[in-house]
Structure formats: C-alpha cells, structure tokens
Amino acid sequence: MYYSLRRTERLEAIDLLFHVKHIHTYDTCPARHGPEMVAKTFGTVGSPEHAKKVGVKVLGMYADAPAHTAYFILEADSAEKVGAFLFPILMIGTAEITPVTDLAEEVRRKLEEAKRKTS
C-alpha cells in the first residue's frame, strides 16, 4: 500500500494506476482451445466479480486480437493486487506492468508548483 501526505498532515492510502500489456502467442491463444479455455482466462479477467475479489478497479480493457495482445488500465493500491488480477492469463503469456500517472493531473500539479515558486 502506498501513502500520501496531505496538507492535513494525515496519511491516507491512495490508489495507483497501472498500464498492462499482455501478450500470448498463436499457439497459446485461448480461442484456439475452445470456450472452456476462453472462460478460464479472459472470461475470468473480464469478470467484475474477479476484479472486486482481488481489489482491482478495471478502468479499461482493450484487445489487438490479430497481434494476440491485450491492454488494461487498472487502479489498485499495490502491484501484488494487479498480479493477482492477471493470474488467469499469465498461464498463457506474459504481462508488462507499468505504473502510470494521469498526465493532465501531472501537468496541473507542475504548473501549480511553478506558480508557487514565482509568487
């Protein structure tokens, strides 16, 4: 869990954003192995119950089916929860997990910092 020190001097848990790129091969593609395999892998990861159970909020899921690649934008308070969320598809491929921030929020924060420095 990560914490943020706010102006109130109180520690609060904050959620982090993660960009995930999952890649599997033609040979390990669940679609080649029938509906049961699709249900065990992407059916599980696509389930709101699964996300809730592991403590992850899914902000977006996208597929590039011909490239056997899936992308996720996830919100969680730890990388471990992201790993638990991805577990059903890690048996068929790999995942590149990158912590990211909201670009608009970063720009706003930097502009505020610069404004305070010049005041």
N, C-alpha and C. Protein backbone atom coordinates (compact mmCIF):
# COMPACT_ATOMS: atom_id res chain seq x y z
N MET A 1 0.84 -1.16 0.00
CA MET A 1 0.00 0.00 0.00
C MET A 1 0.89 1.24 0.00
N TYR A 2 0.49 2.24 -0.72
CA TYR A 2 1.24 3.48 -0.79
C TYR A 2 0.46 4.56 -0.06
N TYR A 3 1.17 5.54 0.43
CA TYR A 3 0.53 6.58 1.21
C TYR A 3 0.90 7.95 0.68
N SER A 4 0.02 8.88 0.93
CA SER A 4 0.23 10.25 0.51
C SER A 4 0.08 11.15 1.72
N LEU A 5 1.00 12.07 1.90
CA LEU A 5 0.90 13.04 2.97
C LEU A 5 0.16 14.26 2.44
N ARG A 6 -1.02 14.50 2.95
CA ARG A 6 -1.85 15.62 2.51
C ARG A 6 -1.59 16.83 3.41
N ARG A 7 -2.14 17.96 3.06
CA ARG A 7 -1.96 19.17 3.85
C ARG A 7 -2.44 19.02 5.29
N THR A 8 -3.32 18.07 5.52
CA THR A 8 -3.83 17.86 6.88
C THR A 8 -2.80 17.12 7.74
N GLU A 9 -1.67 16.77 7.15
CA GLU A 9 -0.61 16.01 7.83
C GLU A 9 -1.07 14.61 8.23
N ARG A 10 -2.07 14.13 7.57
CA ARG A 10 -2.62 12.82 7.85
C ARG A 10 -2.24 11.88 6.70
N LEU A 11 -1.87 10.67 7.01
CA LEU A 11 -1.54 9.70 5.96
C LEU A 11 -2.81 9.03 5.45
N GLU A 12 -2.93 8.95 4.14
CA GLU A 12 -4.06 8.29 3.52
C GLU A 12 -3.56 7.32 2.46
N ALA A 13 -4.22 6.19 2.34
CA ALA A 13 -3.90 5.25 1.27
C ALA A 13 -4.39 5.83 -0.04
N ILE A 14 -3.60 5.69 -1.09
CA ILE A 14 -4.02 6.14 -2.41
C ILE A 14 -3.90 4.99 -3.40
N ASP A 15 -4.74 5.01 -4.41
CA ASP A 15 -4.67 4.00 -5.45
C ASP A 15 -3.74 4.48 -6.55
N LEU A 16 -3.09 3.52 -7.17
CA LEU A 16 -2.17 3.78 -8.26
C LEU A 16 -2.79 3.31 -9.56
N LEU A 17 -2.35 3.90 -10.65
CA LEU A 17 -2.78 3.46 -11.98
C LEU A 17 -1.69 2.57 -12.58
N PHE A 18 -2.12 1.54 -13.27
CA PHE A 18 -1.20 0.62 -13.93
C PHE A 18 -1.64 0.41 -15.37
N HIS A 19 -0.68 0.46 -16.29
CA HIS A 19 -0.92 0.10 -17.68
C HIS A 19 -0.33 -1.30 -17.84
N VAL A 20 -1.13 -2.22 -18.34
CA VAL A 20 -0.68 -3.60 -18.50
C VAL A 20 -0.77 -3.98 -19.97
N LYS A 21 0.30 -4.57 -20.46
CA LYS A 21 0.31 -5.12 -21.82
C LYS A 21 0.51 -6.63 -21.70
N HIS A 22 -0.49 -7.38 -22.10
CA HIS A 22 -0.42 -8.85 -22.06
C HIS A 22 -0.24 -9.36 -23.49
N ILE A 23 0.70 -10.27 -23.64
CA ILE A 23 0.93 -10.89 -24.95
C ILE A 23 0.93 -12.40 -24.79
N HIS A 24 0.19 -13.06 -25.67
CA HIS A 24 0.27 -14.52 -25.77
C HIS A 24 0.54 -14.85 -27.24
N THR A 25 0.80 -16.09 -27.51
CA THR A 25 1.12 -16.50 -28.88
C THR A 25 -0.10 -17.12 -29.57
N TYR A 26 0.04 -17.34 -30.84
CA TYR A 26 -1.00 -18.05 -31.59
C TYR A 26 -1.23 -19.42 -30.96
N ASP A 27 -0.15 -20.09 -30.58
CA ASP A 27 -0.26 -21.44 -30.01
C ASP A 27 -0.94 -21.45 -28.65
N THR A 28 -0.75 -20.40 -27.85
CA THR A 28 -1.37 -20.38 -26.52
C THR A 28 -2.67 -19.58 -26.48
N CYS A 29 -3.12 -19.09 -27.62
CA CYS A 29 -4.35 -18.29 -27.69
C CYS A 29 -5.54 -19.12 -27.20
N PRO A 30 -6.27 -18.59 -26.20
CA PRO A 30 -7.42 -19.34 -25.69
C PRO A 30 -8.46 -19.66 -26.76
N ALA A 31 -8.61 -18.79 -27.75
CA ALA A 31 -9.60 -19.02 -28.80
C ALA A 31 -9.32 -20.30 -29.57
N ARG A 32 -8.08 -20.73 -29.62
CA ARG A 32 -7.72 -21.97 -30.32
C ARG A 32 -8.07 -23.20 -29.52
N HIS A 33 -8.33 -23.01 -28.21
CA HIS A 33 -8.51 -24.16 -27.33
C HIS A 33 -9.92 -24.29 -26.79
N GLY A 34 -10.86 -23.59 -27.40
CA GLY A 34 -12.27 -23.75 -27.08
C GLY A 34 -12.80 -22.82 -26.01
N PRO A 35 -14.11 -22.82 -25.87
CA PRO A 35 -14.79 -21.89 -24.96
C PRO A 35 -14.39 -22.06 -23.49
N GLU A 36 -14.07 -23.28 -23.09
CA GLU A 36 -13.67 -23.51 -21.69
C GLU A 36 -12.39 -22.73 -21.36
N MET A 37 -11.43 -22.75 -22.27
CA MET A 37 -10.17 -22.03 -22.05
C MET A 37 -10.40 -20.52 -22.08
N VAL A 38 -11.27 -20.05 -22.97
CA VAL A 38 -11.60 -18.62 -23.02
C VAL A 38 -12.22 -18.21 -21.69
N ALA A 39 -13.13 -19.02 -21.16
CA ALA A 39 -13.78 -18.72 -19.89
C ALA A 39 -12.78 -18.69 -18.74
N LYS A 40 -11.82 -19.62 -18.73
CA LYS A 40 -10.82 -19.70 -17.65
C LYS A 40 -9.85 -18.53 -17.66
N THR A 41 -9.61 -17.96 -18.82
CA THR A 41 -8.60 -16.92 -18.94
C THR A 41 -9.25 -15.54 -19.04
N PHE A 42 -9.59 -15.12 -20.22
CA PHE A 42 -10.17 -13.79 -20.40
C PHE A 42 -11.57 -13.66 -19.82
N GLY A 43 -12.30 -14.78 -19.75
CA GLY A 43 -13.61 -14.74 -19.10
C GLY A 43 -13.48 -14.38 -17.63
N THR A 44 -12.45 -14.91 -16.97
CA THR A 44 -12.21 -14.59 -15.57
C THR A 44 -11.73 -13.15 -15.42
N VAL A 45 -10.73 -12.77 -16.19
CA VAL A 45 -10.17 -11.42 -16.10
C VAL A 45 -11.22 -10.37 -16.46
N GLY A 46 -12.14 -10.70 -17.34
CA GLY A 46 -13.18 -9.77 -17.74
C GLY A 46 -14.35 -9.70 -16.78
N SER A 47 -14.31 -10.51 -15.75
CA SER A 47 -15.41 -10.57 -14.79
C SER A 47 -15.29 -9.50 -13.70
N PRO A 48 -16.32 -8.67 -13.53
CA PRO A 48 -16.28 -7.66 -12.46
C PRO A 48 -16.11 -8.29 -11.07
N GLU A 49 -16.65 -9.48 -10.88
CA GLU A 49 -16.51 -10.17 -9.60
C GLU A 49 -15.05 -10.50 -9.31
N HIS A 50 -14.31 -10.92 -10.32
CA HIS A 50 -12.88 -11.24 -10.15
C HIS A 50 -12.11 -9.99 -9.75
N ALA A 51 -12.35 -8.90 -10.44
CA ALA A 51 -11.65 -7.64 -10.12
C ALA A 51 -11.95 -7.21 -8.69
N LYS A 52 -13.19 -7.29 -8.31
CA LYS A 52 -13.58 -6.89 -6.95
C LYS A 52 -12.93 -7.81 -5.91
N LYS A 53 -12.91 -9.08 -6.19
CA LYS A 53 -12.34 -10.08 -5.27
C LYS A 53 -10.87 -9.81 -4.98
N VAL A 54 -10.12 -9.42 -6.01
CA VAL A 54 -8.67 -9.20 -5.82
C VAL A 54 -8.35 -7.75 -5.47
N GLY A 55 -9.35 -6.87 -5.49
CA GLY A 55 -9.13 -5.48 -5.09
C GLY A 55 -8.60 -4.57 -6.17
N VAL A 56 -9.03 -4.81 -7.41
CA VAL A 56 -8.59 -4.02 -8.55
C VAL A 56 -9.82 -3.38 -9.21
N LYS A 57 -9.67 -2.14 -9.64
CA LYS A 57 -10.72 -1.49 -10.42
C LYS A 57 -10.25 -1.44 -11.87
N VAL A 58 -11.04 -1.99 -12.77
CA VAL A 58 -10.70 -2.00 -14.19
C VAL A 58 -11.25 -0.72 -14.82
N LEU A 59 -10.35 0.11 -15.32
CA LEU A 59 -10.75 1.35 -15.98
C LEU A 59 -10.90 1.16 -17.48
N GLY A 60 -10.23 0.15 -18.02
CA GLY A 60 -10.34 -0.13 -19.45
C GLY A 60 -9.65 -1.43 -19.81
N MET A 61 -10.23 -2.14 -20.78
CA MET A 61 -9.62 -3.36 -21.33
C MET A 61 -9.76 -3.27 -22.84
N TYR A 62 -8.66 -3.52 -23.53
CA TYR A 62 -8.65 -3.38 -24.99
C TYR A 62 -7.88 -4.54 -25.60
N ALA A 63 -8.25 -4.92 -26.81
CA ALA A 63 -7.60 -6.05 -27.47
C ALA A 63 -7.12 -5.66 -28.86
N ASP A 64 -5.97 -6.19 -29.20
CA ASP A 64 -5.47 -6.20 -30.57
C ASP A 64 -5.42 -7.69 -30.93
N ALA A 65 -6.58 -8.24 -31.25
CA ALA A 65 -6.71 -9.68 -31.44
C ALA A 65 -5.74 -10.28 -32.46
N PRO A 66 -5.55 -9.66 -33.64
CA PRO A 66 -4.60 -10.26 -34.59
C PRO A 66 -3.17 -10.35 -34.04
N ALA A 67 -2.82 -9.45 -33.12
CA ALA A 67 -1.47 -9.48 -32.54
C ALA A 67 -1.42 -10.29 -31.25
N HIS A 68 -2.55 -10.87 -30.85
CA HIS A 68 -2.64 -11.65 -29.61
C HIS A 68 -2.16 -10.83 -28.41
N THR A 69 -2.62 -9.59 -28.37
CA THR A 69 -2.20 -8.64 -27.33
C THR A 69 -3.43 -8.00 -26.71
N ALA A 70 -3.39 -7.87 -25.39
CA ALA A 70 -4.46 -7.19 -24.66
C ALA A 70 -3.85 -6.10 -23.79
N TYR A 71 -4.58 -5.02 -23.63
CA TYR A 71 -4.13 -3.88 -22.82
C TYR A 71 -5.16 -3.62 -21.73
N PHE A 72 -4.68 -3.27 -20.56
CA PHE A 72 -5.55 -2.97 -19.44
C PHE A 72 -5.09 -1.67 -18.78
N ILE A 73 -6.04 -0.89 -18.32
CA ILE A 73 -5.76 0.23 -17.43
C ILE A 73 -6.43 -0.14 -16.11
N LEU A 74 -5.62 -0.30 -15.07
CA LEU A 74 -6.12 -0.77 -13.79
C LEU A 74 -5.80 0.22 -12.69
N GLU A 75 -6.63 0.23 -11.67
CA GLU A 75 -6.39 1.04 -10.48
C GLU A 75 -6.34 0.08 -9.30
N ALA A 76 -5.28 0.19 -8.50
CA ALA A 76 -5.12 -0.68 -7.33
C ALA A 76 -4.17 -0.01 -6.35
N ASP A 77 -4.16 -0.50 -5.13
CA ASP A 77 -3.24 0.09 -4.15
C ASP A 77 -1.94 -0.69 -4.04
N SER A 78 -1.76 -1.73 -4.87
CA SER A 78 -0.49 -2.45 -4.87
C SER A 78 -0.30 -3.23 -6.18
N ALA A 79 0.95 -3.44 -6.51
CA ALA A 79 1.28 -4.25 -7.70
C ALA A 79 0.89 -5.71 -7.48
N GLU A 80 0.91 -6.15 -6.23
CA GLU A 80 0.53 -7.52 -5.93
C GLU A 80 -0.91 -7.80 -6.32
N LYS A 81 -1.79 -6.82 -6.10
CA LYS A 81 -3.19 -7.00 -6.49
C LYS A 81 -3.34 -7.05 -8.00
N VAL A 82 -2.52 -6.29 -8.70
CA VAL A 82 -2.53 -6.35 -10.17
C VAL A 82 -2.10 -7.73 -10.62
N GLY A 83 -1.06 -8.28 -9.99
CA GLY A 83 -0.60 -9.63 -10.32
C GLY A 83 -1.68 -10.67 -10.07
N ALA A 84 -2.40 -10.53 -8.96
CA ALA A 84 -3.49 -11.47 -8.66
C ALA A 84 -4.60 -11.35 -9.71
N PHE A 85 -4.88 -10.15 -10.15
CA PHE A 85 -5.89 -9.93 -11.18
C PHE A 85 -5.49 -10.63 -12.48
N LEU A 86 -4.22 -10.53 -12.84
CA LEU A 86 -3.72 -11.07 -14.12
C LEU A 86 -3.45 -12.57 -14.09
N PHE A 87 -3.43 -13.17 -12.92
CA PHE A 87 -3.04 -14.57 -12.81
C PHE A 87 -3.70 -15.50 -13.83
N PRO A 88 -4.99 -15.39 -14.09
CA PRO A 88 -5.61 -16.32 -15.06
C PRO A 88 -5.04 -16.24 -16.47
N ILE A 89 -4.47 -15.10 -16.86
CA ILE A 89 -3.91 -15.02 -18.22
C ILE A 89 -2.39 -15.17 -18.23
N LEU A 90 -1.77 -15.21 -17.07
CA LEU A 90 -0.32 -15.39 -17.05
C LEU A 90 0.08 -16.81 -17.40
N MET A 91 -0.86 -17.75 -17.33
CA MET A 91 -0.54 -19.13 -17.71
C MET A 91 -0.45 -19.29 -19.23
N ILE A 92 -0.92 -18.29 -19.98
CA ILE A 92 -0.87 -18.39 -21.45
C ILE A 92 0.08 -17.40 -22.09
N GLY A 93 0.63 -16.48 -21.30
CA GLY A 93 1.51 -15.47 -21.87
C GLY A 93 2.19 -14.63 -20.81
N THR A 94 2.63 -13.47 -21.21
CA THR A 94 3.37 -12.59 -20.31
C THR A 94 2.60 -11.29 -20.11
N ALA A 95 3.05 -10.53 -19.10
CA ALA A 95 2.44 -9.23 -18.86
C ALA A 95 3.53 -8.23 -18.49
N GLU A 96 3.47 -7.10 -19.12
CA GLU A 96 4.35 -5.98 -18.79
C GLU A 96 3.50 -4.99 -18.00
N ILE A 97 3.83 -4.80 -16.74
CA ILE A 97 3.05 -3.95 -15.83
C ILE A 97 3.83 -2.67 -15.57
N THR A 98 3.21 -1.54 -15.90
CA THR A 98 3.87 -0.25 -15.76
C THR A 98 3.00 0.68 -14.92
N PRO A 99 3.54 1.18 -13.78
CA PRO A 99 2.79 2.19 -13.04
C PRO A 99 2.76 3.48 -13.87
N VAL A 100 1.61 4.12 -13.94
CA VAL A 100 1.48 5.35 -14.71
C VAL A 100 0.72 6.39 -13.87
N THR A 101 0.76 7.63 -14.33
CA THR A 101 0.00 8.69 -13.69
C THR A 101 -0.88 9.36 -14.72
N ASP A 102 -1.85 10.09 -14.24
CA ASP A 102 -2.74 10.85 -15.09
C ASP A 102 -1.95 12.05 -15.62
N LEU A 103 -1.74 12.12 -16.91
CA LEU A 103 -0.92 13.18 -17.50
C LEU A 103 -1.50 14.56 -17.22
N ALA A 104 -2.79 14.73 -17.37
CA ALA A 104 -3.41 16.03 -17.12
C ALA A 104 -3.18 16.46 -15.68
N GLU A 105 -3.28 15.52 -14.74
CA GLU A 105 -3.05 15.82 -13.33
C GLU A 105 -1.59 16.20 -13.08
N GLU A 106 -0.67 15.51 -13.73
CA GLU A 106 0.76 15.83 -13.59
C GLU A 106 1.05 17.24 -14.11
N VAL A 107 0.49 17.58 -15.25
CA VAL A 107 0.70 18.92 -15.83
C VAL A 107 0.12 19.97 -14.89
N ARG A 108 -1.10 19.74 -14.40
CA ARG A 108 -1.71 20.68 -13.47
C ARG A 108 -0.85 20.89 -12.22
N ARG A 109 -0.35 19.81 -11.66
CA ARG A 109 0.49 19.87 -10.46
C ARG A 109 1.78 20.65 -10.73
N LYS A 110 2.41 20.39 -11.85
CA LYS A 110 3.66 21.09 -12.19
C LYS A 110 3.43 22.58 -12.40
N LEU A 111 2.32 22.92 -13.05
CA LEU A 111 2.01 24.33 -13.26
C LEU A 111 1.73 25.03 -11.93
N GLU A 112 1.07 24.36 -11.02
CA GLU A 112 0.82 24.94 -9.69
C GLU A 112 2.13 25.13 -8.93
N GLU A 113 3.02 24.15 -9.02
CA GLU A 113 4.33 24.27 -8.36
C GLU A 113 5.10 25.47 -8.91
N ALA A 114 5.11 25.62 -10.22
CA ALA A 114 5.82 26.73 -10.84
C ALA A 114 5.21 28.06 -10.43
N LYS A 115 3.90 28.10 -10.34
CA LYS A 115 3.19 29.32 -9.95
C LYS A 115 3.56 29.70 -8.51
N ARG A 116 3.64 28.73 -7.61
CA ARG A 116 4.01 28.99 -6.21
C ARG A 116 5.44 29.51 -6.11
N LYS A 117 6.32 28.98 -6.94
CA LYS A 117 7.72 29.38 -6.90
C LYS A 117 7.91 30.82 -7.36
N THR A 118 7.05 31.27 -8.27
CA THR A 118 7.20 32.64 -8.78
C THR A 118 6.39 33.65 -7.97
N SER A 119 5.59 33.16 -7.03
CA SER A 119 4.78 34.09 -6.20
C SER A 119 5.56 34.61 -5.01
